[in-house]
Amino acid sequence: MKLRILALLALSSSATALWPFPSKRFKSNGLISAGELGLQGVQGRVVAFGDLNGDQFLDLLVLSEDQRKVDAWIWDHNAFSYIRSTTVASFIAGHIVNVVPADLNYDGRLDVLLMAIGKEGKQLDLSLHLGEGDNTNYSSPRTLPPSGLAQPIILDSDGNMKLNMLGLDPDGAMKLWRNNDDTSGTFTLTPSPLSSRACKLADPHSSAVVDFNGDCLADLFLSCEDQRFQIWTRSPGSQGGYVLAREGKLPKGAGAVSFADMDRDGTLDMIFPVCKSFSSKTGVGLDCSIHIVYNKQIPLCPSAGGISSGGGKSKCRSPGNLCVADDAFGFDFGENAGDAYSIIPLSSILPNHDSLLLTDTSHNPPLPVPLRIGDANLDGYPDVLAVVVGEASVDRVPVLLFSVPGKEGPSMSAANVLDVKPHVQQRFGITGNMTTAATSGTHHRRFFKSAKHGAEALAQITDARGVAFVDLDEDGTLDILVQRNGAQTGSRIAFIQNNFFQDAFFLKAIVLNGACPSGICEKSSGKYKPFGATNPGASFKYTVLDTRGERSAAFGTQLPQTGYQALHTPYAFLGLGRTNNYIETLTAGSTSPQSATTLEGVIPNSKLVLNPNTDGTDWRRELFLRPGEWMWWVLFTLVGATIILFVVVLVLHINEKREDERERKKALHHINFDAL
């Protein structure tokens, strides 16, 4: 009997070892607490994401609580955890306010740019730590010319894929930190590429490098003092330069601005919180609403052919020619904007909450807390991650708001949130009676609903000070990073695994900076792949057919912002929704001499790596497929079906041979009577 039991146990263990399906780490359908994932005891905060060692997994840069030390943490796929790698920098004087991972000396490795409060608290000292070797090793700091307190913007202003910085010098003048392109990471302070009409950057600001006019070339959004903004469009080519295209003013009480294609029409929209009152002591805004200002551009043609007016001007974009500039683009903040300007009171989404955390006062100086945008359910419409505040400004709870189809709902009129002086009316094109300001019913293109069922892991956190989307283990779902102040459990960092069942697809897309056109960098220190060297401001515009055969266009952007610990992933994460087909067309844009490339038939649930050439030749393309959990089931089904068909054919073949043999024997015994 014992021998039988031992034999059964041995057989069971052998079957388990041979079973190809790994056991699921997270089994519940919903948001699941994943803990600190190796960051136990860390008292600082995550300040940046990046692929520090080029293994295509997302690593972390963590700033200590006293803001004087930055550590690199590497993702270990096998351990499903972060492991501390090295200390990037340790400051003796001053405190670090921002960390930017970027390839600034154009060698295909991620470097680390540090911004720290400098001389008498009136300037930012900039230091650059160059990536060395084939791992996360960094050089001693290289000192760059200091800037004003408004953090500089990382961008490629010359169209050569080499990164410069745009910002204010300590005297308040707009300057360009031009990359000397000498592999040593040195910069020279030069005049700004913008005209004298450029505004003075606010501190803090939401400036971004994104495409506004639809040509897939990154333009420039400047967030200015007094809630004003400017949009400078970029002309193609290395000598293109910037032209002031739009300027305006945000509503009073507006928070940090984020950018995403909120209505899935292939254009980039603005989204930001607005609160009627704000406490600089707590960082909490009261009576808040979510504002979405939709970009007005030429729409996508419903069929493959474009429609033209009598003058030959296209009224719509054909799927094969998505990156055509529309110089008439615009954002309408006026009262008569209709559904092009949605103002959604937070209380209409969360009846028990109307307050948002707008700044994190535990950071020195206070850090903006923007609405985080990402497609958590892969339906093609970006969702919102925010921190809501309970009564008495005590509980600070992260919430996930899913984007849902628009509906009739409460909305504050534009007159109620804008300064409607005559010059403002003229600036925004506002017309009509601006004297009344009342809450009215308005149709919203998109609305939001809070994730309730399955979101208990988020709701249990009451000490959040910041949130961000992150794809843990690169499994194709947007998970959540919650930064905490430690008041609840002492923990400062928490990860929430997004384990909702999704019947939709995704695409990750990344444009590299072309430092190694062949896809492999060969340096004196050895060979390595430049997967971490991304191009800020790269754009992706694609068309896809849904299950009903309807075509839609969508837009995604890569690293639009790098200031004030923006916490963007180095790639664009695109939800595709439900589809039975490949991605019809995908156009990627960058600042390289060949500013865009178009692909057809891209496979969903994959990662697309594009590497431009600085000489203007064709881009290098790599597609990495993510093995799905269903892969083995498909293989087994295919093998099983093949075996069944083989057995059926074999049986039929044997039966036919037997029948032929019987007929042959009958013929042998047949008597030919005619012959007799």
Foldseek 3Di string as FASTA:
>chain_A
DVVVVVVVVVVVVVCVVVDPFDDDPDDDFFKFFPFFQACPPQQWAWQAWFQQQFPPAIWTWTAHLQQFWIWTWHQDLVSLGTDTDGIQGGHPDFGWQHKFWFQQLLQLGTKIWTWTQDDVSFWTWIWIWHADFNGRDTDDTDTAQIFGQADWFWADQQLLLHIKTWAHHSVQATWIFDRPNPSPRYTDTHHDLDDPPDAGADVHAQKWFADAFFQQETWIWGQHPPQKIWTWGFAADSPGTTDTQAIAGDFPQWFHWDWFQQLQFQGIKIKTKGAPDADQVLQKGFFMWIKIAAKDHQTADQDQDFDADPVRDTSHAHQVGRNDGDSPIDTALALPPAQNMFIGQPCVAVVQFRMFRQWQVSDVNTFGATWEWDQQQLAQGIWTWGWTAHPPRQFTFIWTKHKDAKDWDKGWGSLVGHDPDPVNCVSNVYDDDSPDTDIDIGIHRIDIHIDDVNHVVRRVHGFFRHKYWDDRSPQQGTWMWTAGNCPPPNDGIITMDNNRDHQFFKEKEFEASQSPQVQWRQDPSGIHGSVRNGHAHKKKKFWAAAPVRGITIGIWTANTGRPRSPHGHRITMGRDRHHPFFTAKMKMAHSASLGIDMDGRHHTQWYWYWYDHNVNDDIDIDIGHDDDSCNVVVVVVVVVVVVVVVVVVVVVVVVVVVVVVVVVVVVVPDDDVVVD
